[in-house]
mmCIF file of all heavy atoms, coordinates in Angstrom:
data_MODEL
# 
_entry.id   MODEL 
# 
loop_
_atom_site.group_PDB 
_atom_site.id 
_atom_site.type_symbol 
_atom_site.label_atom_id 
_atom_site.label_alt_id 
_atom_site.label_comp_id 
_atom_site.label_asym_id 
_atom_site.label_entity_id 
_atom_site.label_seq_id 
_atom_site.pdbx_PDB_ins_code 
_atom_site.Cartn_x 
_atom_site.Cartn_y 
_atom_site.Cartn_z 
_atom_site.occupancy 
_atom_site.B_iso_or_equiv 
_atom_site.pdbx_formal_charge 
_atom_site.auth_seq_id 
_atom_site.auth_comp_id 
_atom_site.auth_asym_id 
_atom_site.auth_atom_id 
_atom_site.pdbx_PDB_model_num 
ATOM 1   N N   . MET A 1 1  ? 21.636 102.142 98.430  1.00 0.00 ? 1  MET A N   1 
ATOM 2   C CA  . MET A 1 1  ? 20.196 102.013 98.651  1.00 0.00 ? 1  MET A CA  1 
ATOM 3   C C   . MET A 1 1  ? 19.622 103.325 99.178  1.00 0.00 ? 1  MET A C   1 
ATOM 4   O O   . MET A 1 1  ? 20.070 103.829 100.215 1.00 0.00 ? 1  MET A O   1 
ATOM 5   C CB  . MET A 1 1  ? 19.900 100.886 99.641  1.00 0.00 ? 1  MET A CB  1 
ATOM 6   C CG  . MET A 1 1  ? 20.126 99.497  99.102  1.00 0.00 ? 1  MET A CG  1 
ATOM 7   S SD  . MET A 1 1  ? 19.599 98.217  100.280 1.00 0.00 ? 1  MET A SD  1 
ATOM 8   C CE  . MET A 1 1  ? 17.823 98.432  100.206 1.00 0.00 ? 1  MET A CE  1 
ATOM 9   N N   . PRO A 1 2  ? 18.620 103.879 98.513  1.00 0.00 ? 2  PRO A N   1 
ATOM 10  C CA  . PRO A 1 2  ? 18.079 105.178 98.937  1.00 0.00 ? 2  PRO A CA  1 
ATOM 11  C C   . PRO A 1 2  ? 17.419 105.144 100.305 1.00 0.00 ? 2  PRO A C   1 
ATOM 12  O O   . PRO A 1 2  ? 17.278 106.189 100.943 1.00 0.00 ? 2  PRO A O   1 
ATOM 13  C CB  . PRO A 1 2  ? 17.065 105.521 97.835  1.00 0.00 ? 2  PRO A CB  1 
ATOM 14  C CG  . PRO A 1 2  ? 16.730 104.217 97.183  1.00 0.00 ? 2  PRO A CG  1 
ATOM 15  C CD  . PRO A 1 2  ? 17.970 103.384 97.284  1.00 0.00 ? 2  PRO A CD  1 
ATOM 16  N N   . VAL A 1 3  ? 17.011 103.950 100.773 1.00 0.00 ? 3  VAL A N   1 
ATOM 17  C CA  . VAL A 1 3  ? 16.377 103.857 102.085 1.00 0.00 ? 3  VAL A CA  1 
ATOM 18  C C   . VAL A 1 3  ? 17.396 103.657 103.197 1.00 0.00 ? 3  VAL A C   1 
ATOM 19  O O   . VAL A 1 3  ? 17.033 103.643 104.373 1.00 0.00 ? 3  VAL A O   1 
ATOM 20  C CB  . VAL A 1 3  ? 15.336 102.718 102.121 1.00 0.00 ? 3  VAL A CB  1 
ATOM 21  C CG1 . VAL A 1 3  ? 14.200 103.002 101.163 1.00 0.00 ? 3  VAL A CG1 1 
ATOM 22  C CG2 . VAL A 1 3  ? 15.980 101.371 101.797 1.00 0.00 ? 3  VAL A CG2 1 
ATOM 23  N N   . ILE A 1 4  ? 18.674 103.488 102.839 1.00 0.00 ? 4  ILE A N   1 
ATOM 24  C CA  . ILE A 1 4  ? 19.702 103.255 103.854 1.00 0.00 ? 4  ILE A CA  1 
ATOM 25  C C   . ILE A 1 4  ? 20.834 104.272 103.754 1.00 0.00 ? 4  ILE A C   1 
ATOM 26  O O   . ILE A 1 4  ? 21.094 105.027 104.704 1.00 0.00 ? 4  ILE A O   1 
ATOM 27  C CB  . ILE A 1 4  ? 20.281 101.825 103.761 1.00 0.00 ? 4  ILE A CB  1 
ATOM 28  C CG1 . ILE A 1 4  ? 19.222 100.785 104.100 1.00 0.00 ? 4  ILE A CG1 1 
ATOM 29  C CG2 . ILE A 1 4  ? 21.487 101.670 104.699 1.00 0.00 ? 4  ILE A CG2 1 
ATOM 30  C CD1 . ILE A 1 4  ? 19.712 99.349  103.998 1.00 0.00 ? 4  ILE A CD1 1 
ATOM 31  N N   . ALA A 1 5  ? 21.538 104.283 102.626 1.00 0.00 ? 5  ALA A N   1 
ATOM 32  C CA  . ALA A 1 5  ? 22.817 104.996 102.517 1.00 0.00 ? 5  ALA A CA  1 
ATOM 33  C C   . ALA A 1 5  ? 22.767 106.468 102.938 1.00 0.00 ? 5  ALA A C   1 
ATOM 34  O O   . ALA A 1 5  ? 23.605 106.911 103.734 1.00 0.00 ? 5  ALA A O   1 
ATOM 35  C CB  . ALA A 1 5  ? 23.368 104.845 101.101 1.00 0.00 ? 5  ALA A CB  1 
ATOM 36  N N   . PRO A 1 6  ? 21.816 107.275 102.455 1.00 0.00 ? 6  PRO A N   1 
ATOM 37  C CA  . PRO A 1 6  ? 21.837 108.695 102.835 1.00 0.00 ? 6  PRO A CA  1 
ATOM 38  C C   . PRO A 1 6  ? 21.328 108.960 104.245 1.00 0.00 ? 6  PRO A C   1 
ATOM 39  O O   . PRO A 1 6  ? 21.507 110.065 104.767 1.00 0.00 ? 6  PRO A O   1 
ATOM 40  C CB  . PRO A 1 6  ? 20.932 109.348 101.792 1.00 0.00 ? 6  PRO A CB  1 
ATOM 41  C CG  . PRO A 1 6  ? 20.049 108.277 101.280 1.00 0.00 ? 6  PRO A CG  1 
ATOM 42  C CD  . PRO A 1 6  ? 20.775 106.987 101.462 1.00 0.00 ? 6  PRO A CD  1 
ATOM 43  N N   . HIS A 1 7  ? 20.699 107.955 104.870 1.00 0.00 ? 7  HIS A N   1 
ATOM 44  C CA  . HIS A 1 7  ? 20.052 108.177 106.166 1.00 0.00 ? 7  HIS A CA  1 
ATOM 45  C C   . HIS A 1 7  ? 20.889 107.723 107.357 1.00 0.00 ? 7  HIS A C   1 
ATOM 46  O O   . HIS A 1 7  ? 20.546 108.026 108.501 1.00 0.00 ? 7  HIS A O   1 
ATOM 47  C CB  . HIS A 1 7  ? 18.694 107.480 106.187 1.00 0.00 ? 7  HIS A CB  1 
ATOM 48  C CG  . HIS A 1 7  ? 17.765 107.965 105.116 1.00 0.00 ? 7  HIS A CG  1 
ATOM 49  N ND1 . HIS A 1 7  ? 17.281 109.253 105.076 1.00 0.00 ? 7  HIS A ND1 1 
ATOM 50  C CD2 . HIS A 1 7  ? 17.268 107.345 104.006 1.00 0.00 ? 7  HIS A CD2 1 
ATOM 51  C CE1 . HIS A 1 7  ? 16.509 109.398 104.001 1.00 0.00 ? 7  HIS A CE1 1 
ATOM 52  N NE2 . HIS A 1 7  ? 16.490 108.265 103.338 1.00 0.00 ? 7  HIS A NE2 1 
ATOM 53  N N   . LEU A 1 8  ? 21.965 106.990 107.122 1.00 0.00 ? 8  LEU A N   1 
ATOM 54  C CA  . LEU A 1 8  ? 22.872 106.654 108.208 1.00 0.00 ? 8  LEU A CA  1 
ATOM 55  C C   . LEU A 1 8  ? 23.629 107.907 108.617 1.00 0.00 ? 8  LEU A C   1 
ATOM 56  O O   . LEU A 1 8  ? 23.763 108.852 107.843 1.00 0.00 ? 8  LEU A O   1 
ATOM 57  C CB  . LEU A 1 8  ? 23.840 105.552 107.766 1.00 0.00 ? 8  LEU A CB  1 
ATOM 58  C CG  . LEU A 1 8  ? 23.209 104.185 107.474 1.00 0.00 ? 8  LEU A CG  1 
ATOM 59  C CD1 . LEU A 1 8  ? 24.248 103.220 106.912 1.00 0.00 ? 8  LEU A CD1 1 
ATOM 60  C CD2 . LEU A 1 8  ? 22.574 103.594 108.726 1.00 0.00 ? 8  LEU A CD2 1 
ATOM 61  N N   . ARG A 1 9  ? 24.140 107.916 109.836 1.00 0.00 ? 9  ARG A N   1 
ATOM 62  C CA  . ARG A 1 9  ? 24.890 109.067 110.334 1.00 0.00 ? 9  ARG A CA  1 
ATOM 63  C C   . ARG A 1 9  ? 26.264 108.634 110.809 1.00 0.00 ? 9  ARG A C   1 
ATOM 64  O O   . ARG A 1 9  ? 26.353 107.888 111.754 1.00 0.00 ? 9  ARG A O   1 
ATOM 65  C CB  . ARG A 1 9  ? 24.125 109.759 111.467 1.00 0.00 ? 9  ARG A CB  1 
ATOM 66  C CG  . ARG A 1 9  ? 22.853 110.446 110.994 1.00 0.00 ? 9  ARG A CG  1 
ATOM 67  C CD  . ARG A 1 9  ? 23.198 111.644 110.082 1.00 0.00 ? 9  ARG A CD  1 
ATOM 68  N NE  . ARG A 1 9  ? 22.009 112.317 109.580 1.00 0.00 ? 9  ARG A NE  1 
ATOM 69  C CZ  . ARG A 1 9  ? 21.407 112.028 108.437 1.00 0.00 ? 9  ARG A CZ  1 
ATOM 70  N NH1 . ARG A 1 9  ? 21.887 111.060 107.671 1.00 0.00 ? 9  ARG A NH1 1 
ATOM 71  N NH2 . ARG A 1 9  ? 20.349 112.688 108.045 1.00 0.00 ? 9  ARG A NH2 1 
ATOM 72  N N   . PRO A 1 10 ? 27.318 109.086 110.104 1.00 0.00 ? 10 PRO A N   1 
ATOM 73  C CA  . PRO A 1 10 ? 27.289 109.912 108.905 1.00 0.00 ? 10 PRO A CA  1 
ATOM 74  C C   . PRO A 1 10 ? 26.759 109.132 107.704 1.00 0.00 ? 10 PRO A C   1 
ATOM 75  O O   . PRO A 1 10 ? 26.679 107.902 107.743 1.00 0.00 ? 10 PRO A O   1 
ATOM 76  C CB  . PRO A 1 10 ? 28.764 110.287 108.712 1.00 0.00 ? 10 PRO A CB  1 
ATOM 77  C CG  . PRO A 1 10 ? 29.515 109.127 109.291 1.00 0.00 ? 10 PRO A CG  1 
ATOM 78  C CD  . PRO A 1 10 ? 28.702 108.695 110.479 1.00 0.00 ? 10 PRO A CD  1 
ATOM 79  N N   . GLY A 1 11 ? 26.414 109.837 106.630 1.00 0.00 ? 11 GLY A N   1 
ATOM 80  C CA  . GLY A 1 11 ? 25.930 109.168 105.431 1.00 0.00 ? 11 GLY A CA  1 
ATOM 81  C C   . GLY A 1 11 ? 26.943 108.163 104.908 1.00 0.00 ? 11 GLY A C   1 
ATOM 82  O O   . GLY A 1 11 ? 28.161 108.352 105.049 1.00 0.00 ? 11 GLY A O   1 
ATOM 83  N N   . LEU A 1 12 ? 26.452 107.079 104.326 1.00 0.00 ? 12 LEU A N   1 
ATOM 84  C CA  . LEU A 1 12 ? 27.302 105.980 103.877 1.00 0.00 ? 12 LEU A CA  1 
ATOM 85  C C   . LEU A 1 12 ? 27.845 106.230 102.475 1.00 0.00 ? 12 LEU A C   1 
ATOM 86  O O   . LEU A 1 12 ? 27.082 106.446 101.528 1.00 0.00 ? 12 LEU A O   1 
ATOM 87  C CB  . LEU A 1 12 ? 26.505 104.675 103.888 1.00 0.00 ? 12 LEU A CB  1 
ATOM 88  C CG  . LEU A 1 12 ? 27.196 103.428 103.325 1.00 0.00 ? 12 LEU A CG  1 
ATOM 89  C CD1 . LEU A 1 12 ? 28.409 103.045 104.164 1.00 0.00 ? 12 LEU A CD1 1 
ATOM 90  C CD2 . LEU A 1 12 ? 26.207 102.263 103.241 1.00 0.00 ? 12 LEU A CD2 1 
ATOM 91  N N   . THR A 1 13 ? 29.155 106.183 102.328 1.00 0.00 ? 13 THR A N   1 
ATOM 92  C CA  . THR A 1 13 ? 29.778 106.173 101.004 1.00 0.00 ? 13 THR A CA  1 
ATOM 93  C C   . THR A 1 13 ? 29.518 104.812 100.379 1.00 0.00 ? 13 THR A C   1 
ATOM 94  O O   . THR A 1 13 ? 29.778 103.779 101.001 1.00 0.00 ? 13 THR A O   1 
ATOM 95  C CB  . THR A 1 13 ? 31.290 106.432 101.120 1.00 0.00 ? 13 THR A CB  1 
ATOM 96  O OG1 . THR A 1 13 ? 31.488 107.783 101.554 1.00 0.00 ? 13 THR A OG1 1 
ATOM 97  C CG2 . THR A 1 13 ? 31.988 106.222 99.790  1.00 0.00 ? 13 THR A CG2 1 
ATOM 98  N N   . SER A 1 14 ? 29.010 104.798 99.167  1.00 0.00 ? 14 SER A N   1 
ATOM 99  C CA  . SER A 1 14 ? 28.569 103.534 98.579  1.00 0.00 ? 14 SER A CA  1 
ATOM 100 C C   . SER A 1 14 ? 28.685 103.561 97.061  1.00 0.00 ? 14 SER A C   1 
ATOM 101 O O   . SER A 1 14 ? 28.610 104.621 96.434  1.00 0.00 ? 14 SER A O   1 
ATOM 102 C CB  . SER A 1 14 ? 27.107 103.261 98.975  1.00 0.00 ? 14 SER A CB  1 
ATOM 103 O OG  . SER A 1 14 ? 26.663 101.995 98.524  1.00 0.00 ? 14 SER A OG  1 
ATOM 104 N N   . MET A 1 15 ? 28.878 102.377 96.486  1.00 0.00 ? 15 MET A N   1 
ATOM 105 C CA  . MET A 1 15 ? 28.884 102.231 95.036  1.00 0.00 ? 15 MET A CA  1 
ATOM 106 C C   . MET A 1 15 ? 27.431 102.097 94.567  1.00 0.00 ? 15 MET A C   1 
ATOM 107 O O   . MET A 1 15 ? 26.677 101.280 95.096  1.00 0.00 ? 15 MET A O   1 
ATOM 108 C CB  . MET A 1 15 ? 29.671 100.991 94.611  1.00 0.00 ? 15 MET A CB  1 
ATOM 109 C CG  . MET A 1 15 ? 31.077 100.906 95.182  1.00 0.00 ? 15 MET A CG  1 
ATOM 110 S SD  . MET A 1 15 ? 32.119 102.334 94.818  1.00 0.00 ? 15 MET A SD  1 
ATOM 111 C CE  . MET A 1 15 ? 32.210 102.258 93.028  1.00 0.00 ? 15 MET A CE  1 
ATOM 112 N N   . GLU A 1 16 ? 27.046 102.897 93.589  1.00 0.00 ? 16 GLU A N   1 
ATOM 113 C CA  . GLU A 1 16 ? 25.647 102.901 93.146  1.00 0.00 ? 16 GLU A CA  1 
ATOM 114 C C   . GLU A 1 16 ? 25.418 101.921 92.002  1.00 0.00 ? 16 GLU A C   1 
ATOM 115 O O   . GLU A 1 16 ? 26.097 101.975 90.976  1.00 0.00 ? 16 GLU A O   1 
ATOM 116 C CB  . GLU A 1 16 ? 25.248 104.299 92.693  1.00 0.00 ? 16 GLU A CB  1 
ATOM 117 C CG  . GLU A 1 16 ? 23.796 104.401 92.254  1.00 0.00 ? 16 GLU A CG  1 
ATOM 118 C CD  . GLU A 1 16 ? 23.380 105.831 92.011  1.00 0.00 ? 16 GLU A CD  1 
ATOM 119 O OE1 . GLU A 1 16 ? 23.668 106.362 90.930  1.00 0.00 ? 16 GLU A OE1 1 
ATOM 120 O OE2 . GLU A 1 16 ? 22.782 106.426 92.931  1.00 0.00 ? 16 GLU A OE2 1 
ATOM 121 N N   . LEU A 1 17 ? 24.450 101.040 92.177  1.00 0.00 ? 17 LEU A N   1 
ATOM 122 C CA  . LEU A 1 17 ? 24.057 100.163 91.079  1.00 0.00 ? 17 LEU A CA  1 
ATOM 123 C C   . LEU A 1 17 ? 23.222 100.966 90.085  1.00 0.00 ? 17 LEU A C   1 
ATOM 124 O O   . LEU A 1 17 ? 22.249 101.617 90.469  1.00 0.00 ? 17 LEU A O   1 
ATOM 125 C CB  . LEU A 1 17 ? 23.253 98.967  91.606  1.00 0.00 ? 17 LEU A CB  1 
ATOM 126 C CG  . LEU A 1 17 ? 24.073 97.894  92.307  1.00 0.00 ? 17 LEU A CG  1 
ATOM 127 C CD1 . LEU A 1 17 ? 23.160 96.896  93.006  1.00 0.00 ? 17 LEU A CD1 1 
ATOM 128 C CD2 . LEU A 1 17 ? 24.984 97.164  91.342  1.00 0.00 ? 17 LEU A CD2 1 
ATOM 129 N N   . PRO A 1 18 ? 23.577 100.936 88.789  1.00 0.00 ? 18 PRO A N   1 
ATOM 130 C CA  . PRO A 1 18 ? 22.927 101.810 87.799  1.00 0.00 ? 18 PRO A CA  1 
ATOM 131 C C   . PRO A 1 18 ? 21.617 101.239 87.269  1.00 0.00 ? 18 PRO A C   1 
ATOM 132 O O   . PRO A 1 18 ? 21.480 100.942 86.078  1.00 0.00 ? 18 PRO A O   1 
ATOM 133 C CB  . PRO A 1 18 ? 23.993 101.895 86.697  1.00 0.00 ? 18 PRO A CB  1 
ATOM 134 C CG  . PRO A 1 18 ? 24.671 100.555 86.743  1.00 0.00 ? 18 PRO A CG  1 
ATOM 135 C CD  . PRO A 1 18 ? 24.687 100.156 88.202  1.00 0.00 ? 18 PRO A CD  1 
ATOM 136 N N   . PHE A 1 19 ? 20.623 101.085 88.136  1.00 0.00 ? 19 PHE A N   1 
ATOM 137 C CA  . PHE A 1 19 ? 19.383 100.423 87.738  1.00 0.00 ? 19 PHE A CA  1 
ATOM 138 C C   . PHE A 1 19 ? 18.640 101.162 86.625  1.00 0.00 ? 19 PHE A C   1 
ATOM 139 O O   . PHE A 1 19 ? 18.197 100.542 85.654  1.00 0.00 ? 19 PHE A O   1 
ATOM 140 C CB  . PHE A 1 19 ? 18.467 100.239 88.954  1.00 0.00 ? 19 PHE A CB  1 
ATOM 141 C CG  . PHE A 1 19 ? 18.860 99.078  89.816  1.00 0.00 ? 19 PHE A CG  1 
ATOM 142 C CD1 . PHE A 1 19 ? 19.585 99.277  90.972  1.00 0.00 ? 19 PHE A CD1 1 
ATOM 143 C CD2 . PHE A 1 19 ? 18.527 97.789  89.454  1.00 0.00 ? 19 PHE A CD2 1 
ATOM 144 C CE1 . PHE A 1 19 ? 19.966 98.199  91.765  1.00 0.00 ? 19 PHE A CE1 1 
ATOM 145 C CE2 . PHE A 1 19 ? 18.900 96.705  90.234  1.00 0.00 ? 19 PHE A CE2 1 
ATOM 146 C CZ  . PHE A 1 19 ? 19.626 96.913  91.395  1.00 0.00 ? 19 PHE A CZ  1 
ATOM 147 N N   . ALA A 1 20 ? 18.472 102.471 86.770  1.00 0.00 ? 20 ALA A N   1 
ATOM 148 C CA  . ALA A 1 20 ? 17.735 103.216 85.743  1.00 0.00 ? 20 ALA A CA  1 
ATOM 149 C C   . ALA A 1 20 ? 18.445 103.116 84.395  1.00 0.00 ? 20 ALA A C   1 
ATOM 150 O O   . ALA A 1 20 ? 17.811 102.906 83.355  1.00 0.00 ? 20 ALA A O   1 
ATOM 151 C CB  . ALA A 1 20 ? 17.577 104.668 86.159  1.00 0.00 ? 20 ALA A CB  1 
ATOM 152 N N   . GLU A 1 21 ? 19.766 103.234 84.412  1.00 0.00 ? 21 GLU A N   1 
ATOM 153 C CA  . GLU A 1 21 ? 20.525 103.163 83.163  1.00 0.00 ? 21 GLU A CA  1 
ATOM 154 C C   . GLU A 1 21 ? 20.454 101.763 82.565  1.00 0.00 ? 21 GLU A C   1 
ATOM 155 O O   . GLU A 1 21 ? 20.395 101.599 81.342  1.00 0.00 ? 21 GLU A O   1 
ATOM 156 C CB  . GLU A 1 21 ? 21.975 103.574 83.406  1.00 0.00 ? 21 GLU A CB  1 
ATOM 157 C CG  . GLU A 1 21 ? 22.842 103.605 82.164  1.00 0.00 ? 21 GLU A CG  1 
ATOM 158 C CD  . GLU A 1 21 ? 22.361 104.590 81.102  1.00 0.00 ? 21 GLU A CD  1 
ATOM 159 O OE1 . GLU A 1 21 ? 21.598 105.518 81.428  1.00 0.00 ? 21 GLU A OE1 1 
ATOM 160 O OE2 . GLU A 1 21 ? 22.749 104.411 79.927  1.00 0.00 ? 21 GLU A OE2 1 
ATOM 161 N N   . MET A 1 22 ? 20.449 100.731 83.417  1.00 0.00 ? 22 MET A N   1 
ATOM 162 C CA  . MET A 1 22 ? 20.306 99.360  82.900  1.00 0.00 ? 22 MET A CA  1 
ATOM 163 C C   . MET A 1 22 ? 18.962 99.199  82.194  1.00 0.00 ? 22 MET A C   1 
ATOM 164 O O   . MET A 1 22 ? 18.877 98.576  81.133  1.00 0.00 ? 22 MET A O   1 
ATOM 165 C CB  . MET A 1 22 ? 20.443 98.336  84.028  1.00 0.00 ? 22 MET A CB  1 
ATOM 166 C CG  . MET A 1 22 ? 21.873 98.069  84.445  1.00 0.00 ? 22 MET A CG  1 
ATOM 167 S SD  . MET A 1 22 ? 22.044 96.596  85.500  1.00 0.00 ? 22 MET A SD  1 
ATOM 168 C CE  . MET A 1 22 ? 21.394 97.205  87.055  1.00 0.00 ? 22 MET A CE  1 
ATOM 169 N N   . GLY A 1 23 ? 17.903 99.757  82.790  1.00 0.00 ? 23 GLY A N   1 
ATOM 170 C CA  . GLY A 1 23 ? 16.588 99.688  82.152  1.00 0.00 ? 23 GLY A CA  1 
ATOM 171 C C   . GLY A 1 23 ? 16.577 100.386 80.813  1.00 0.00 ? 23 GLY A C   1 
ATOM 172 O O   . GLY A 1 23 ? 16.060 99.855  79.816  1.00 0.00 ? 23 GLY A O   1 
ATOM 173 N N   . ARG A 1 24 ? 17.164 101.583 80.763  1.00 0.00 ? 24 ARG A N   1 
ATOM 174 C CA  . ARG A 1 24 ? 17.201 102.334 79.503  1.00 0.00 ? 24 ARG A CA  1 
ATOM 175 C C   . ARG A 1 24 ? 18.011 101.595 78.440  1.00 0.00 ? 24 ARG A C   1 
ATOM 176 O O   . ARG A 1 24 ? 17.576 101.471 77.284  1.00 0.00 ? 24 ARG A O   1 
ATOM 177 C CB  . ARG A 1 24 ? 17.811 103.731 79.742  1.00 0.00 ? 24 ARG A CB  1 
ATOM 178 C CG  . ARG A 1 24 ? 16.869 104.722 80.390  1.00 0.00 ? 24 ARG A CG  1 
ATOM 179 C CD  . ARG A 1 24 ? 17.427 106.126 80.361  1.00 0.00 ? 24 ARG A CD  1 
ATOM 180 N NE  . ARG A 1 24 ? 18.539 106.269 81.284  1.00 0.00 ? 24 ARG A NE  1 
ATOM 181 C CZ  . ARG A 1 24 ? 18.413 106.656 82.548  1.00 0.00 ? 24 ARG A CZ  1 
ATOM 182 N NH1 . ARG A 1 24 ? 17.222 106.936 83.038  1.00 0.00 ? 24 ARG A NH1 1 
ATOM 183 N NH2 . ARG A 1 24 ? 19.471 106.781 83.322  1.00 0.00 ? 24 ARG A NH2 1 
ATOM 184 N N   . ARG A 1 25 ? 19.188 101.117 78.814  1.00 0.00 ? 25 ARG A N   1 
ATOM 185 C CA  . ARG A 1 25 ? 20.054 100.447 77.846  1.00 0.00 ? 25 ARG A CA  1 
ATOM 186 C C   . ARG A 1 25 ? 19.424 99.137  77.365  1.00 0.00 ? 25 ARG A C   1 
ATOM 187 O O   . ARG A 1 25 ? 19.554 98.771  76.197  1.00 0.00 ? 25 ARG A O   1 
ATOM 188 C CB  . ARG A 1 25 ? 21.429 100.168 78.455  1.00 0.00 ? 25 ARG A CB  1 
ATOM 189 C CG  . ARG A 1 25 ? 22.320 101.373 78.562  1.00 0.00 ? 25 ARG A CG  1 
ATOM 190 C CD  . ARG A 1 25 ? 22.641 101.955 77.195  1.00 0.00 ? 25 ARG A CD  1 
ATOM 191 N NE  . ARG A 1 25 ? 23.211 100.953 76.303  1.00 0.00 ? 25 ARG A NE  1 
ATOM 192 C CZ  . ARG A 1 25 ? 23.035 100.934 74.985  1.00 0.00 ? 25 ARG A CZ  1 
ATOM 193 N NH1 . ARG A 1 25 ? 22.281 101.845 74.398  1.00 0.00 ? 25 ARG A NH1 1 
ATOM 194 N NH2 . ARG A 1 25 ? 23.604 99.994  74.242  1.00 0.00 ? 25 ARG A NH2 1 
ATOM 195 N N   . GLY A 1 26 ? 18.748 98.434  78.262  1.00 0.00 ? 26 GLY A N   1 
ATOM 196 C CA  . GLY A 1 26 ? 18.101 97.183  77.865  1.00 0.00 ? 26 GLY A CA  1 
ATOM 197 C C   . GLY A 1 26 ? 17.059 97.405  76.795  1.00 0.00 ? 26 GLY A C   1 
ATOM 198 O O   . GLY A 1 26 ? 17.022 96.700  75.778  1.00 0.00 ? 26 GLY A O   1 
ATOM 199 N N   . VAL A 1 27 ? 16.206 98.421  76.988  1.00 0.00 ? 27 VAL A N   1 
ATOM 200 C CA  . VAL A 1 27 ? 15.163 98.712  76.004  1.00 0.00 ? 27 VAL A CA  1 
ATOM 201 C C   . VAL A 1 27 ? 15.785 99.245  74.716  1.00 0.00 ? 27 VAL A C   1 
ATOM 202 O O   . VAL A 1 27 ? 15.353 98.885  73.614  1.00 0.00 ? 27 VAL A O   1 
ATOM 203 C CB  . VAL A 1 27 ? 14.141 99.717  76.582  1.00 0.00 ? 27 VAL A CB  1 
ATOM 204 C CG1 . VAL A 1 27 ? 13.185 100.209 75.496  1.00 0.00 ? 27 VAL A CG1 1 
ATOM 205 C CG2 . VAL A 1 27 ? 13.357 99.062  77.713  1.00 0.00 ? 27 VAL A CG2 1 
# 
């Protein structure tokens, strides 16, 4: 989550959900 993961200290290692790519592939 862009509002959480990079702003925690230290930054959070996280699996990224591919939302933009899902939108592109769907269309």
